[in-house]
Amino acid sequence: MSYSKQTLLARYCFYAFGCLMVLFLIVPLLAIIPLSFSAGSFLSYPLPGFSFQWYDRVFHDGPWLAALKNSFVVGIATTILATILGTSAAYAFARRDLPMPTTLLGILIAPMIVPPVISGLGMYFLMAKIGLTATMPGVIIAHTVLAAPFVLITVTATLQNFDMGLLRAANSLGASPLAAFLTILVPVTAPGIISGALFAFMTSFDEVVVTLFLAGPAQRTLPLKMFEGLRDNIEPSILAMSTFLMLIATLSLATAVCLIHRSTRNLTAAKPN
């Protein structure tokens, strides 16, 4: 067999393996979508009928709506805090004047690596010491710790192509560091910052383990409500809300990918030849 045929065969095998992995990851998720429209009360195929009754139940049920509201409140607050902290840290790393940058970066992204149970246990003891367990600020702070590294990584990657000389030129023309940051860096890297914010929002919106340690009945979020429902009785209403969450996640991911591509084009255009 010639070298070109071997290369072509290897490429086809690679593509086939990739398609199988995608199917392995996506098919179980897609399988729950038809069940959320089931007219029956049990999870079974074939469906006994088609109905929107479970969507009607979750979107007109007090506990479900309260959990959905809590998820949006915590998610939006977490997104704002994580975006500010993550973008500021990424800018500090982009300046390349921090001591031991690799060590500092490893410390800041540690929440992405540490198992959620360990993070939840540690945050529980910390929040208990300062009286923030079973409070909305405590949940928001914990989610911010988990979400900020995603903003940091995304914005740091975006700033790799940013010419820091533009900020120095603005400073030499009389602009303050803050003015240069807000009027030059932020507009050019805005798509990357927004994509990082979307990742932060989805990290908070999907978080359940740490929330389980810190939240009280009044701070119950949507994933926590679903987790508690799975322990009691699995019914199609949980799958209806799961489908809703997948829709939000898909739209957020697609938007983030588009914004990252747009940010790359903006930085390439802004970079001097």
C-alpha atoms as a PDB file:
ATOM      1  CA  MET A   1       0.000   0.000   0.000  1.00  0.00           C
ATOM      2  CA  SER A   2       1.394   3.377  -0.991  1.00  0.00           C
ATOM      3  CA  TYR A   3       2.093   6.148   1.483  1.00  0.00           C
ATOM      4  CA  SER A   4      -0.731   8.325   0.136  1.00  0.00           C
ATOM      5  CA  LYS A   5      -3.269   5.499   0.536  1.00  0.00           C
ATOM      6  CA  GLN A   6      -2.068   4.838   4.090  1.00  0.00           C
ATOM      7  CA  THR A   7      -2.449   8.527   4.901  1.00  0.00           C
ATOM      8  CA  LEU A   8      -5.944   8.588   3.391  1.00  0.00           C
ATOM      9  CA  LEU A   9      -6.962   5.461   5.323  1.00  0.00           C
ATOM     10  CA  ALA A  10      -5.622   6.907   8.569  1.00  0.00           C
ATOM     11  CA  ARG A  11      -7.566  10.107   7.939  1.00  0.00           C
ATOM     12  CA  TYR A  12     -10.806   8.194   7.351  1.00  0.00           C
ATOM     13  CA  CYS A  13     -10.232   6.150  10.513  1.00  0.00           C
ATOM     14  CA  PHE A  14      -9.619   9.340  12.463  1.00  0.00           C
ATOM     15  CA  TYR A  15     -12.827  10.918  11.153  1.00  0.00           C
ATOM     16  CA  ALA A  16     -14.812   7.752  11.862  1.00  0.00           C
ATOM     17  CA  PHE A  17     -13.479   7.581  15.413  1.00  0.00           C
ATOM     18  CA  GLY A  18     -14.310  11.264  15.917  1.00  0.00           C
ATOM     19  CA  CYS A  19     -17.870  10.749  14.672  1.00  0.00           C
ATOM     20  CA  LEU A  20     -18.328   7.763  16.982  1.00  0.00           C
ATOM     21  CA  MET A  21     -17.129   9.794  19.963  1.00  0.00           C
ATOM     22  CA  VAL A  22     -19.508  12.636  19.089  1.00  0.00           C
ATOM     23  CA  LEU A  23     -22.400  10.183  18.848  1.00  0.00           C
ATOM     24  CA  PHE A  24     -21.380   8.576  22.140  1.00  0.00           C
ATOM     25  CA  LEU A  25     -21.498  11.962  23.867  1.00  0.00           C
ATOM     26  CA  ILE A  26     -24.553  13.483  22.185  1.00  0.00           C
ATOM     27  CA  VAL A  27     -27.004  10.610  21.631  1.00  0.00           C
ATOM     28  CA  PRO A  28     -27.722  10.075  25.370  1.00  0.00           C
ATOM     29  CA  LEU A  29     -28.498  13.785  25.662  1.00  0.00           C
ATOM     30  CA  LEU A  30     -30.750  13.797  22.614  1.00  0.00           C
ATOM     31  CA  ALA A  31     -32.605  10.731  23.878  1.00  0.00           C
ATOM     32  CA  ILE A  32     -34.223  12.691  26.705  1.00  0.00           C
ATOM     33  CA  ILE A  33     -35.744  15.335  24.409  1.00  0.00           C
ATOM     34  CA  PRO A  34     -38.581  13.156  23.020  1.00  0.00           C
ATOM     35  CA  LEU A  35     -39.305  11.851  26.534  1.00  0.00           C
ATOM     36  CA  SER A  36     -39.924  15.417  27.722  1.00  0.00           C
ATOM     37  CA  PHE A  37     -42.869  15.573  25.285  1.00  0.00           C
ATOM     38  CA  SER A  38     -44.377  12.295  26.462  1.00  0.00           C
ATOM     39  CA  ALA A  39     -48.102  12.178  27.199  1.00  0.00           C
ATOM     40  CA  GLY A  40     -47.499   9.467  29.795  1.00  0.00           C
ATOM     41  CA  SER A  41     -46.215   9.665  33.353  1.00  0.00           C
ATOM     42  CA  PHE A  42     -43.387   7.170  32.906  1.00  0.00           C
ATOM     43  CA  LEU A  43     -40.120   7.310  30.988  1.00  0.00           C
ATOM     44  CA  SER A  44     -40.483   4.744  28.263  1.00  0.00           C
ATOM     45  CA  TYR A  45     -40.180   4.218  24.520  1.00  0.00           C
ATOM     46  CA  PRO A  46     -42.239   4.194  22.369  1.00  0.00           C
ATOM     47  CA  LEU A  47     -44.019   7.300  23.565  1.00  0.00           C
ATOM     48  CA  PRO A  48     -47.688   6.831  24.450  1.00  0.00           C
ATOM     49  CA  GLY A  49     -48.425  10.211  22.905  1.00  0.00           C
ATOM     50  CA  PHE A  50     -47.179  13.735  22.337  1.00  0.00           C
ATOM     51  CA  SER A  51     -47.912  16.456  24.899  1.00  0.00           C
ATOM     52  CA  PHE A  52     -46.603  19.747  26.307  1.00  0.00           C
ATOM     53  CA  GLN A  53     -48.050  18.993  29.738  1.00  0.00           C
ATOM     54  CA  TRP A  54     -44.659  18.655  31.443  1.00  0.00           C
ATOM     55  CA  TYR A  55     -43.420  21.977  30.090  1.00  0.00           C
ATOM     56  CA  ASP A  56     -46.670  23.553  31.222  1.00  0.00           C
ATOM     57  CA  ARG A  57     -46.147  22.080  34.680  1.00  0.00           C
ATOM     58  CA  VAL A  58     -42.574  23.261  35.204  1.00  0.00           C
ATOM     59  CA  PHE A  59     -43.238  26.771  33.880  1.00  0.00           C
ATOM     60  CA  HIS A  60     -46.372  27.219  35.998  1.00  0.00           C
ATOM     61  CA  ASP A  61     -45.152  25.506  39.153  1.00  0.00           C
ATOM     62  CA  GLY A  62     -44.043  27.677  42.091  1.00  0.00           C
ATOM     63  CA  PRO A  63     -40.990  25.648  43.241  1.00  0.00           C
ATOM     64  CA  TRP A  64     -39.687  25.227  39.690  1.00  0.00           C
ATOM     65  CA  LEU A  65     -40.073  28.922  38.900  1.00  0.00           C
ATOM     66  CA  ALA A  66     -38.435  29.916  42.197  1.00  0.00           C
ATOM     67  CA  ALA A  67     -35.478  27.643  41.433  1.00  0.00           C
ATOM     68  CA  LEU A  68     -35.238  29.047  37.901  1.00  0.00           C
ATOM     69  CA  LYS A  69     -35.273  32.600  39.267  1.00  0.00           C
ATOM     70  CA  ASN A  70     -32.533  31.760  41.787  1.00  0.00           C
ATOM     71  CA  SER A  71     -30.411  30.241  39.018  1.00  0.00           C
ATOM     72  CA  PHE A  72     -30.675  33.377  36.900  1.00  0.00           C
ATOM     73  CA  VAL A  73     -29.982  35.696  39.863  1.00  0.00           C
ATOM     74  CA  VAL A  74     -26.937  33.699  40.952  1.00  0.00           C
ATOM     75  CA  GLY A  75     -25.780  33.189  37.359  1.00  0.00           C
ATOM     76  CA  ILE A  76     -25.985  36.862  36.390  1.00  0.00           C
ATOM     77  CA  ALA A  77     -24.293  38.056  39.590  1.00  0.00           C
ATOM     78  CA  THR A  78     -21.597  35.411  39.203  1.00  0.00           C
ATOM     79  CA  THR A  79     -21.050  36.359  35.566  1.00  0.00           C
ATOM     80  CA  ILE A  80     -20.530  40.027  36.419  1.00  0.00           C
ATOM     81  CA  LEU A  81     -18.071  39.321  39.244  1.00  0.00           C
ATOM     82  CA  ALA A  82     -16.213  36.559  37.400  1.00  0.00           C
ATOM     83  CA  THR A  83     -15.885  38.668  34.251  1.00  0.00           C
ATOM     84  CA  ILE A  84     -14.434  41.616  36.159  1.00  0.00           C
ATOM     85  CA  LEU A  85     -12.005  39.461  38.140  1.00  0.00           C
ATOM     86  CA  GLY A  86     -11.040  37.168  35.258  1.00  0.00           C
ATOM     87  CA  THR A  87     -10.508  39.997  32.769  1.00  0.00           C
ATOM     88  CA  SER A  88      -8.436  41.988  35.265  1.00  0.00           C
ATOM     89  CA  ALA A  89      -6.268  38.955  36.011  1.00  0.00           C
ATOM     90  CA  ALA A  90      -5.841  38.190  32.292  1.00  0.00           C
ATOM     91  CA  TYR A  91      -4.739  41.780  31.668  1.00  0.00           C
ATOM     92  CA  ALA A  92      -2.204  41.495  34.481  1.00  0.00           C
ATOM     93  CA  PHE A  93      -0.769  38.335  32.917  1.00  0.00           C
ATOM     94  CA  ALA A  94      -0.720  39.939  29.461  1.00  0.00           C
ATOM     95  CA  ARG A  95       1.525  42.737  30.768  1.00  0.00           C
ATOM     96  CA  ARG A  96       4.174  40.082  31.516  1.00  0.00           C
ATOM     97  CA  ASP A  97       5.526  41.855  34.590  1.00  0.00           C
ATOM     98  CA  LEU A  98       4.123  39.554  37.290  1.00  0.00           C
ATOM     99  CA  PRO A  99       6.535  37.500  39.405  1.00  0.00           C
ATOM    100  CA  MET A 100       6.178  33.729  38.940  1.00  0.00           C
ATOM    101  CA  PRO A 101       3.335  34.003  36.390  1.00  0.00           C
ATOM    102  CA  THR A 102       3.105  30.245  35.815  1.00  0.00           C
ATOM    103  CA  THR A 103       2.686  29.556  39.523  1.00  0.00           C
ATOM    104  CA  LEU A 104       0.101  32.304  39.904  1.00  0.00           C
ATOM    105  CA  LEU A 105      -1.834  31.051  36.887  1.00  0.00           C
ATOM    106  CA  GLY A 106      -1.837  27.530  38.302  1.00  0.00           C
ATOM    107  CA  ILE A 107      -3.227  28.801  41.606  1.00  0.00           C
ATOM    108  CA  LEU A 108      -5.948  30.841  39.911  1.00  0.00           C
ATOM    109  CA  ILE A 109      -7.166  27.997  37.702  1.00  0.00           C
ATOM    110  CA  ALA A 110      -7.018  25.436  40.527  1.00  0.00           C
ATOM    111  CA  PRO A 111     -10.827  25.504  41.000  1.00  0.00           C
ATOM    112  CA  MET A 112     -11.118  24.002  37.501  1.00  0.00           C
ATOM    113  CA  ILE A 113      -9.000  21.022  38.579  1.00  0.00           C
ATOM    114  CA  VAL A 114     -10.046  20.378  42.176  1.00  0.00           C
ATOM    115  CA  PRO A 115     -12.974  17.909  42.473  1.00  0.00           C
ATOM    116  CA  PRO A 116     -16.253  19.737  43.166  1.00  0.00           C
ATOM    117  CA  VAL A 117     -16.848  17.782  46.377  1.00  0.00           C
ATOM    118  CA  ILE A 118     -13.556  19.015  47.831  1.00  0.00           C
ATOM    119  CA  SER A 119     -14.290  22.577  46.702  1.00  0.00           C
ATOM    120  CA  GLY A 120     -17.767  22.411  48.202  1.00  0.00           C
ATOM    121  CA  LEU A 121     -16.510  21.064  51.513  1.00  0.00           C
ATOM    122  CA  GLY A 122     -13.780  23.679  51.785  1.00  0.00           C
ATOM    123  CA  MET A 123     -16.138  26.505  50.873  1.00  0.00           C
ATOM    124  CA  TYR A 124     -18.693  25.241  53.367  1.00  0.00           C
ATOM    125  CA  PHE A 125     -16.235  25.487  56.255  1.00  0.00           C
ATOM    126  CA  LEU A 126     -15.082  28.929  55.082  1.00  0.00           C
ATOM    127  CA  MET A 127     -18.611  30.278  54.633  1.00  0.00           C
ATOM    128  CA  ALA A 128     -19.661  28.821  57.985  1.00  0.00           C
ATOM    129  CA  LYS A 129     -16.876  30.773  59.675  1.00  0.00           C
ATOM    130  CA  ILE A 130     -18.095  34.075  58.243  1.00  0.00           C
ATOM    131  CA  GLY A 131     -21.807  33.318  58.445  1.00  0.00           C
ATOM    132  CA  LEU A 132     -22.563  33.057  54.722  1.00  0.00           C
ATOM    133  CA  THR A 133     -23.985  29.540  54.547  1.00  0.00           C
ATOM    134  CA  ALA A 134     -27.597  29.350  53.347  1.00  0.00           C
ATOM    135  CA  THR A 135     -27.328  32.886  51.948  1.00  0.00           C
ATOM    136  CA  MET A 136     -27.435  34.177  48.392  1.00  0.00           C
ATOM    137  CA  PRO A 137     -24.113  36.100  48.718  1.00  0.00           C
ATOM    138  CA  GLY A 138     -22.402  32.920  49.892  1.00  0.00           C
ATOM    139  CA  VAL A 139     -23.635  30.956  46.871  1.00  0.00           C
ATOM    140  CA  ILE A 140     -22.655  33.783  44.509  1.00  0.00           C
ATOM    141  CA  ILE A 141     -19.142  34.031  45.968  1.00  0.00           C
ATOM    142  CA  ALA A 142     -18.648  30.264  45.682  1.00  0.00           C
ATOM    143  CA  HIS A 143     -19.867  30.229  42.086  1.00  0.00           C
ATOM    144  CA  THR A 144     -17.594  33.176  41.266  1.00  0.00           C
ATOM    145  CA  VAL A 145     -14.582  31.224  42.525  1.00  0.00           C
ATOM    146  CA  LEU A 146     -15.526  28.375  40.188  1.00  0.00           C
ATOM    147  CA  ALA A 147     -16.411  30.542  37.179  1.00  0.00           C
ATOM    148  CA  ALA A 148     -13.615  33.140  37.205  1.00  0.00           C
ATOM    149  CA  PRO A 149     -10.942  30.697  35.911  1.00  0.00           C
ATOM    150  CA  PHE A 150     -12.984  30.135  32.744  1.00  0.00           C
ATOM    151  CA  VAL A 151     -13.001  33.875  32.074  1.00  0.00           C
ATOM    152  CA  LEU A 152      -9.289  34.066  32.867  1.00  0.00           C
ATOM    153  CA  ILE A 153      -8.390  31.293  30.418  1.00  0.00           C
ATOM    154  CA  THR A 154     -10.625  32.639  27.639  1.00  0.00           C
ATOM    155  CA  VAL A 155      -9.494  36.262  27.919  1.00  0.00           C
ATOM    156  CA  THR A 156      -5.834  35.257  28.348  1.00  0.00           C
ATOM    157  CA  ALA A 157      -6.029  33.306  25.084  1.00  0.00           C
ATOM    158  CA  THR A 158      -7.672  36.310  23.426  1.00  0.00           C
ATOM    159  CA  LEU A 159      -4.964  38.690  24.631  1.00  0.00           C
ATOM    160  CA  GLN A 160      -2.206  36.533  23.138  1.00  0.00           C
ATOM    161  CA  ASN A 161      -2.745  38.346  19.831  1.00  0.00           C
ATOM    162  CA  PHE A 162      -3.270  41.795  21.340  1.00  0.00           C
ATOM    163  CA  ASP A 163      -0.482  44.318  20.783  1.00  0.00           C
ATOM    164  CA  MET A 164       0.230  45.864  24.196  1.00  0.00           C
ATOM    165  CA  GLY A 165       2.107  48.613  22.364  1.00  0.00           C
ATOM    166  CA  LEU A 166      -1.286  50.158  21.593  1.00  0.00           C
ATOM    167  CA  LEU A 167      -1.804  50.830  25.302  1.00  0.00           C
ATOM    168  CA  ARG A 168       1.681  52.274  25.682  1.00  0.00           C
ATOM    169  CA  ALA A 169       1.045  54.528  22.697  1.00  0.00           C
ATOM    170  CA  ALA A 170      -2.206  55.727  24.273  1.00  0.00           C
ATOM    171  CA  ASN A 171      -0.404  56.429  27.548  1.00  0.00           C
ATOM    172  CA  SER A 172       2.273  58.413  25.727  1.00  0.00           C
ATOM    173  CA  LEU A 173      -0.474  60.551  24.193  1.00  0.00           C
ATOM    174  CA  GLY A 174      -1.875  61.442  27.607  1.00  0.00           C
ATOM    175  CA  ALA A 175      -4.472  58.738  28.237  1.00  0.00           C
ATOM    176  CA  SER A 176      -4.596  57.332  31.749  1.00  0.00           C
ATOM    177  CA  PRO A 177      -4.060  53.567  32.172  1.00  0.00           C
ATOM    178  CA  LEU A 178      -7.753  53.111  32.989  1.00  0.00           C
ATOM    179  CA  ALA A 179      -8.859  55.168  29.972  1.00  0.00           C
ATOM    180  CA  ALA A 180      -6.546  53.219  27.671  1.00  0.00           C
ATOM    181  CA  PHE A 181      -7.832  49.953  29.095  1.00  0.00           C
ATOM    182  CA  LEU A 182     -11.497  50.889  28.642  1.00  0.00           C
ATOM    183  CA  THR A 183     -11.238  52.600  25.255  1.00  0.00           C
ATOM    184  CA  ILE A 184      -8.687  50.385  23.490  1.00  0.00           C
ATOM    185  CA  LEU A 185      -8.310  46.953  25.055  1.00  0.00           C
ATOM    186  CA  VAL A 186     -11.932  46.321  26.052  1.00  0.00           C
ATOM    187  CA  PRO A 187     -13.535  47.220  22.675  1.00  0.00           C
ATOM    188  CA  VAL A 188     -11.014  45.177  20.684  1.00  0.00           C
ATOM    189  CA  THR A 189     -11.220  42.125  22.951  1.00  0.00           C
ATOM    190  CA  ALA A 190     -14.931  42.499  23.783  1.00  0.00           C
ATOM    191  CA  PRO A 191     -15.998  39.343  21.882  1.00  0.00           C
ATOM    192  CA  GLY A 192     -13.463  37.297  23.852  1.00  0.00           C
ATOM    193  CA  ILE A 193     -14.565  38.866  27.128  1.00  0.00           C
ATOM    194  CA  ILE A 194     -18.225  38.197  26.349  1.00  0.00           C
ATOM    195  CA  SER A 195     -17.483  34.586  25.420  1.00  0.00           C
ATOM    196  CA  GLY A 196     -15.676  34.174  28.743  1.00  0.00           C
ATOM    197  CA  ALA A 197     -18.700  35.678  30.482  1.00  0.00           C
ATOM    198  CA  LEU A 198     -20.948  33.134  28.757  1.00  0.00           C
ATOM    199  CA  PHE A 199     -18.746  30.295  29.969  1.00  0.00           C
ATOM    200  CA  ALA A 200     -18.911  31.763  33.477  1.00  0.00           C
ATOM    201  CA  PHE A 201     -22.701  31.971  33.314  1.00  0.00           C
ATOM    202  CA  MET A 202     -23.054  28.363  32.195  1.00  0.00           C
ATOM    203  CA  THR A 203     -20.611  27.208  34.879  1.00  0.00           C
ATOM    204  CA  SER A 204     -22.797  28.848  37.506  1.00  0.00           C
ATOM    205  CA  PHE A 205     -26.081  27.837  35.891  1.00  0.00           C
ATOM    206  CA  ASP A 206     -25.086  24.135  35.813  1.00  0.00           C
ATOM    207  CA  GLU A 207     -23.371  23.955  39.212  1.00  0.00           C
ATOM    208  CA  VAL A 208     -24.942  21.551  41.699  1.00  0.00           C
ATOM    209  CA  VAL A 209     -22.296  20.020  43.999  1.00  0.00           C
ATOM    210  CA  VAL A 210     -20.989  23.207  45.630  1.00  0.00           C
ATOM    211  CA  THR A 211     -24.525  24.598  45.761  1.00  0.00           C
ATOM    212  CA  LEU A 212     -25.604  21.468  47.611  1.00  0.00           C
ATOM    213  CA  PHE A 213     -23.120  22.303  50.378  1.00  0.00           C
ATOM    214  CA  LEU A 214     -23.949  26.005  50.677  1.00  0.00           C
ATOM    215  CA  ALA A 215     -27.559  26.661  49.660  1.00  0.00           C
ATOM    216  CA  GLY A 216     -30.551  26.594  51.967  1.00  0.00           C
ATOM    217  CA  PRO A 217     -34.190  26.081  50.945  1.00  0.00           C
ATOM    218  CA  ALA A 218     -34.495  29.723  49.862  1.00  0.00           C
ATOM    219  CA  GLN A 219     -31.371  29.524  47.658  1.00  0.00           C
ATOM    220  CA  ARG A 220     -32.281  26.309  45.838  1.00  0.00           C
ATOM    221  CA  THR A 221     -31.157  26.615  42.209  1.00  0.00           C
ATOM    222  CA  LEU A 222     -32.540  24.779  39.207  1.00  0.00           C
ATOM    223  CA  PRO A 223     -29.868  22.021  39.017  1.00  0.00           C
ATOM    224  CA  LEU A 224     -30.255  21.447  42.760  1.00  0.00           C
ATOM    225  CA  LYS A 225     -34.034  21.230  42.381  1.00  0.00           C
ATOM    226  CA  MET A 226     -33.583  18.687  39.587  1.00  0.00           C
ATOM    227  CA  PHE A 227     -31.118  16.672  41.666  1.00  0.00           C
ATOM    228  CA  GLU A 228     -33.546  16.525  44.571  1.00  0.00           C
ATOM    229  CA  GLY A 229     -36.328  15.488  42.192  1.00  0.00           C
ATOM    230  CA  LEU A 230     -34.219  12.640  40.824  1.00  0.00           C
ATOM    231  CA  ARG A 231     -33.786  11.254  44.326  1.00  0.00           C
ATOM    232  CA  ASP A 232     -37.542  11.180  44.938  1.00  0.00           C
ATOM    233  CA  ASN A 233     -39.203  10.312  41.655  1.00  0.00           C
ATOM    234  CA  ILE A 234     -38.080  10.574  38.041  1.00  0.00           C
ATOM    235  CA  GLU A 235     -40.874  12.116  36.002  1.00  0.00           C
ATOM    236  CA  PRO A 236     -40.920  13.798  32.572  1.00  0.00           C
ATOM    237  CA  SER A 237     -41.096  17.278  34.149  1.00  0.00           C
ATOM    238  CA  ILE A 238     -37.425  16.897  35.096  1.00  0.00           C
ATOM    239  CA  LEU A 239     -36.612  16.006  31.496  1.00  0.00           C
ATOM    240  CA  ALA A 240     -38.570  19.034  30.286  1.00  0.00           C
ATOM    241  CA  MET A 241     -36.398  21.312  32.388  1.00  0.00           C
ATOM    242  CA  SER A 242     -33.297  19.365  31.288  1.00  0.00           C
ATOM    243  CA  THR A 243     -34.214  20.066  27.672  1.00  0.00           C
ATOM    244  CA  PHE A 244     -34.604  23.740  28.530  1.00  0.00           C
ATOM    245  CA  LEU A 245     -31.138  23.752  30.122  1.00  0.00           C
ATOM    246  CA  MET A 246     -29.621  22.056  27.075  1.00  0.00           C
ATOM    247  CA  LEU A 247     -31.160  24.712  24.854  1.00  0.00           C
ATOM    248  CA  ILE A 248     -29.603  27.480  26.952  1.00  0.00           C
ATOM    249  CA  ALA A 249     -26.233  25.697  26.991  1.00  0.00           C
ATOM    250  CA  THR A 250     -26.273  25.129  23.224  1.00  0.00           C
ATOM    251  CA  LEU A 251     -27.131  28.745  22.456  1.00  0.00           C
ATOM    252  CA  SER A 252     -24.473  29.994  24.888  1.00  0.00           C
ATOM    253  CA  LEU A 253     -21.799  27.718  23.441  1.00  0.00           C
ATOM    254  CA  ALA A 254     -22.632  28.662  19.854  1.00  0.00           C
ATOM    255  CA  THR A 255     -22.551  32.350  20.756  1.00  0.00           C
ATOM    256  CA  ALA A 256     -19.236  31.949  22.579  1.00  0.00           C
ATOM    257  CA  VAL A 257     -17.635  30.176  19.606  1.00  0.00           C
ATOM    258  CA  CYS A 258     -18.824  32.884  17.203  1.00  0.00           C
ATOM    259  CA  LEU A 259     -17.524  35.619  19.510  1.00  0.00           C
ATOM    260  CA  ILE A 260     -14.131  33.939  19.875  1.00  0.00           C
ATOM    261  CA  HIS A 261     -13.758  33.809  16.074  1.00  0.00           C
ATOM    262  CA  ARG A 262     -14.818  37.436  15.836  1.00  0.00           C
ATOM    263  CA  SER A 263     -12.341  38.434  18.547  1.00  0.00           C
ATOM    264  CA  THR A 264      -9.535  36.672  16.683  1.00  0.00           C
ATOM    265  CA  ARG A 265     -10.379  38.607  13.515  1.00  0.00           C
ATOM    266  CA  ASN A 266     -10.519  41.906  15.417  1.00  0.00           C
ATOM    267  CA  LEU A 267      -7.135  41.316  17.031  1.00  0.00           C
ATOM    268  CA  THR A 268      -5.580  40.292  13.723  1.00  0.00           C
ATOM    269  CA  ALA A 269      -6.898  43.467  12.099  1.00  0.00           C
ATOM    270  CA  ALA A 270      -5.735  45.656  14.992  1.00  0.00           C
ATOM    271  CA  LYS A 271      -2.241  44.147  15.089  1.00  0.00           C
ATOM    272  CA  PRO A 272       0.242  46.265  13.136  1.00  0.00           C
ATOM    273  CA  ASN A 273       2.057  44.654  10.228  1.00  0.00           C
END
